[in-house]
Amino acid sequence: MHLGCCNTCKRIIKEINLPKNVILRDIKKTPLNANEIKSFKNITGTFRSLLNNRAQKLKNIDKKTLSEEKIFSLLNEHYTYLKRPILYFNGQLLIGNSKKNIEAIKSIF
């Protein structure tokens, strides 16, 4: 899952050279639903792990005080709050654009 208009996501997708059978989902065009968000939380342990802390909409919010319920509400409200890219493959969930995460994605393919 990625954001089609995000240059970082575009660069990462190009860098990884995904196989053709991998389905790319643009979260702006097809946002995650509440059940998908909850299932990702069940894998990661927290909604906070799915939160894009650099989202412009969070600029004036004290992120440290956000409860898990509020974070879930934000994630469900707008795609911009979701950390990306997200790779869900064979039960494995990799979230975000850290170097460590990108290397992990590359090792899968």
C-alpha atoms as a PDB file:
ATOM      1  CA  MET A   1       0.000   0.000   0.000  1.00  0.00           C
ATOM      2  CA  HIS A   2       1.288   3.379  -0.931  1.00  0.00           C
ATOM      3  CA  LEU A   3       0.272   6.930  -1.715  1.00  0.00           C
ATOM      4  CA  GLY A   4       0.426   7.385  -5.477  1.00  0.00           C
ATOM      5  CA  CYS A   5       1.300  11.075  -5.284  1.00  0.00           C
ATOM      6  CA  CYS A   6       4.099  10.557  -2.715  1.00  0.00           C
ATOM      7  CA  ASN A   7       7.579  10.878  -4.207  1.00  0.00           C
ATOM      8  CA  THR A   8       9.103   8.805  -1.400  1.00  0.00           C
ATOM      9  CA  CYS A   9       6.685   5.947  -2.092  1.00  0.00           C
ATOM     10  CA  LYS A  10       7.381   6.182  -5.834  1.00  0.00           C
ATOM     11  CA  ARG A  11      11.146   6.056  -5.216  1.00  0.00           C
ATOM     12  CA  ILE A  12      10.869   3.083  -2.891  1.00  0.00           C
ATOM     13  CA  ILE A  13       8.624   1.131  -5.268  1.00  0.00           C
ATOM     14  CA  LYS A  14      11.073   1.734  -8.103  1.00  0.00           C
ATOM     15  CA  GLU A  15      14.043   0.813  -5.880  1.00  0.00           C
ATOM     16  CA  ILE A  16      12.470  -2.435  -4.691  1.00  0.00           C
ATOM     17  CA  ASN A  17      11.489  -3.591  -8.182  1.00  0.00           C
ATOM     18  CA  LEU A  18       8.398  -5.486  -7.049  1.00  0.00           C
ATOM     19  CA  PRO A  19       7.286  -8.573  -8.954  1.00  0.00           C
ATOM     20  CA  LYS A  20       4.350  -8.065 -11.323  1.00  0.00           C
ATOM     21  CA  ASN A  21       2.050 -10.250  -9.221  1.00  0.00           C
ATOM     22  CA  VAL A  22       2.261  -7.830  -6.262  1.00  0.00           C
ATOM     23  CA  ILE A  23      -0.862  -5.676  -6.082  1.00  0.00           C
ATOM     24  CA  LEU A  24      -0.189  -2.003  -5.416  1.00  0.00           C
ATOM     25  CA  ARG A  25      -2.985  -0.233  -3.576  1.00  0.00           C
ATOM     26  CA  ASP A  26      -3.123   3.551  -3.563  1.00  0.00           C
ATOM     27  CA  ILE A  27      -4.514   4.424  -0.117  1.00  0.00           C
ATOM     28  CA  LYS A  28      -5.849   7.741  -1.392  1.00  0.00           C
ATOM     29  CA  LYS A  29      -8.001   6.025  -4.015  1.00  0.00           C
ATOM     30  CA  THR A  30      -8.822   2.973  -1.893  1.00  0.00           C
ATOM     31  CA  PRO A  31      -8.400   3.822   1.800  1.00  0.00           C
ATOM     32  CA  LEU A  32      -8.070   1.151   4.444  1.00  0.00           C
ATOM     33  CA  ASN A  33     -11.311   0.347   6.193  1.00  0.00           C
ATOM     34  CA  ALA A  34     -11.702   0.043   9.960  1.00  0.00           C
ATOM     35  CA  ASN A  35     -11.346  -3.752   9.928  1.00  0.00           C
ATOM     36  CA  GLU A  36      -8.103  -3.584   7.942  1.00  0.00           C
ATOM     37  CA  ILE A  37      -6.684  -0.999  10.341  1.00  0.00           C
ATOM     38  CA  LYS A  38      -7.648  -3.193  13.290  1.00  0.00           C
ATOM     39  CA  SER A  39      -6.094  -6.276  11.703  1.00  0.00           C
ATOM     40  CA  PHE A  40      -2.820  -4.388  11.156  1.00  0.00           C
ATOM     41  CA  LYS A  41      -2.952  -3.253  14.781  1.00  0.00           C
ATOM     42  CA  ASN A  42      -3.370  -6.889  15.827  1.00  0.00           C
ATOM     43  CA  ILE A  43      -0.113  -7.689  14.016  1.00  0.00           C
ATOM     44  CA  THR A  44       1.886  -4.678  15.242  1.00  0.00           C
ATOM     45  CA  GLY A  45       0.388  -4.404  18.728  1.00  0.00           C
ATOM     46  CA  THR A  46      -0.551  -0.707  18.559  1.00  0.00           C
ATOM     47  CA  PHE A  47      -2.323   1.804  16.361  1.00  0.00           C
ATOM     48  CA  ARG A  48       0.568   4.175  17.101  1.00  0.00           C
ATOM     49  CA  SER A  49       2.865   1.963  15.010  1.00  0.00           C
ATOM     50  CA  LEU A  50       0.650   2.782  11.998  1.00  0.00           C
ATOM     51  CA  LEU A  51       0.648   6.542  12.617  1.00  0.00           C
ATOM     52  CA  ASN A  52       2.578   8.824  10.284  1.00  0.00           C
ATOM     53  CA  ASN A  53       4.086  11.215  12.831  1.00  0.00           C
ATOM     54  CA  ARG A  54       5.158  13.578  10.046  1.00  0.00           C
ATOM     55  CA  ALA A  55       1.645  14.076   8.675  1.00  0.00           C
ATOM     56  CA  GLN A  56       0.934  17.767   8.135  1.00  0.00           C
ATOM     57  CA  LYS A  57      -2.478  17.360   9.758  1.00  0.00           C
ATOM     58  CA  LEU A  58      -0.693  16.383  13.002  1.00  0.00           C
ATOM     59  CA  LYS A  59       1.438  19.511  13.006  1.00  0.00           C
ATOM     60  CA  ASN A  60      -0.552  21.266  15.737  1.00  0.00           C
ATOM     61  CA  ILE A  61      -1.421  18.166  17.760  1.00  0.00           C
ATOM     62  CA  ASP A  62       0.613  16.908  20.720  1.00  0.00           C
ATOM     63  CA  LYS A  63       1.249  13.385  19.429  1.00  0.00           C
ATOM     64  CA  LYS A  64       2.484  12.152  22.824  1.00  0.00           C
ATOM     65  CA  THR A  65      -0.959  12.646  24.367  1.00  0.00           C
ATOM     66  CA  LEU A  66      -2.915  10.775  21.675  1.00  0.00           C
ATOM     67  CA  SER A  67      -4.710   7.717  22.998  1.00  0.00           C
ATOM     68  CA  GLU A  68      -4.910   4.505  20.990  1.00  0.00           C
ATOM     69  CA  GLU A  69      -8.628   5.195  20.463  1.00  0.00           C
ATOM     70  CA  LYS A  70      -7.921   8.675  19.086  1.00  0.00           C
ATOM     71  CA  ILE A  71      -5.165   7.348  16.816  1.00  0.00           C
ATOM     72  CA  PHE A  72      -7.571   4.703  15.482  1.00  0.00           C
ATOM     73  CA  SER A  73     -10.112   7.438  14.835  1.00  0.00           C
ATOM     74  CA  LEU A  74      -7.521   9.525  12.943  1.00  0.00           C
ATOM     75  CA  LEU A  75      -6.343   6.537  10.878  1.00  0.00           C
ATOM     76  CA  ASN A  76      -9.938   5.764  10.004  1.00  0.00           C
ATOM     77  CA  GLU A  77     -10.664   9.414   9.167  1.00  0.00           C
ATOM     78  CA  HIS A  78      -7.988  10.229   6.562  1.00  0.00           C
ATOM     79  CA  TYR A  79      -5.264   8.401   4.636  1.00  0.00           C
ATOM     80  CA  THR A  80      -2.646  11.040   5.450  1.00  0.00           C
ATOM     81  CA  TYR A  81      -2.370   9.766   9.029  1.00  0.00           C
ATOM     82  CA  LEU A  82      -1.230   6.337   7.850  1.00  0.00           C
ATOM     83  CA  LYS A  83       2.491   5.588   7.782  1.00  0.00           C
ATOM     84  CA  ARG A  84       3.602   4.395   4.354  1.00  0.00           C
ATOM     85  CA  PRO A  85       4.466   2.432   2.397  1.00  0.00           C
ATOM     86  CA  ILE A  86       2.925  -0.693   3.856  1.00  0.00           C
ATOM     87  CA  LEU A  87       3.805  -4.144   2.639  1.00  0.00           C
ATOM     88  CA  TYR A  88       1.531  -6.956   3.716  1.00  0.00           C
ATOM     89  CA  PHE A  89       2.877 -10.158   2.244  1.00  0.00           C
ATOM     90  CA  ASN A  90       2.499 -13.763   3.411  1.00  0.00           C
ATOM     91  CA  GLY A  91       1.299 -12.622   6.840  1.00  0.00           C
ATOM     92  CA  GLN A  92       4.257 -10.275   7.272  1.00  0.00           C
ATOM     93  CA  LEU A  93       3.598  -6.555   7.793  1.00  0.00           C
ATOM     94  CA  LEU A  94       6.294  -3.966   7.095  1.00  0.00           C
ATOM     95  CA  ILE A  95       5.385  -0.325   7.663  1.00  0.00           C
ATOM     96  CA  GLY A  96       7.213   2.894   6.880  1.00  0.00           C
ATOM     97  CA  ASN A  97      10.168   4.130   4.905  1.00  0.00           C
ATOM     98  CA  SER A  98      13.075   3.629   7.303  1.00  0.00           C
ATOM     99  CA  LYS A  99      16.243   2.186   5.755  1.00  0.00           C
ATOM    100  CA  LYS A 100      15.890  -0.908   7.931  1.00  0.00           C
ATOM    101  CA  ASN A 101      12.330  -1.436   6.705  1.00  0.00           C
ATOM    102  CA  ILE A 102      13.235  -0.943   3.040  1.00  0.00           C
ATOM    103  CA  GLU A 103      16.073  -3.458   3.377  1.00  0.00           C
ATOM    104  CA  ALA A 104      13.631  -5.918   4.947  1.00  0.00           C
ATOM    105  CA  ILE A 105      11.237  -5.438   2.019  1.00  0.00           C
ATOM    106  CA  LYS A 106      14.079  -5.954  -0.454  1.00  0.00           C
ATOM    107  CA  SER A 107      15.058  -9.198   1.288  1.00  0.00           C
ATOM    108  CA  ILE A 108      11.549 -10.572   0.686  1.00  0.00           C
ATOM    109  CA  PHE A 109      11.828 -10.061  -3.057  1.00  0.00           C
END
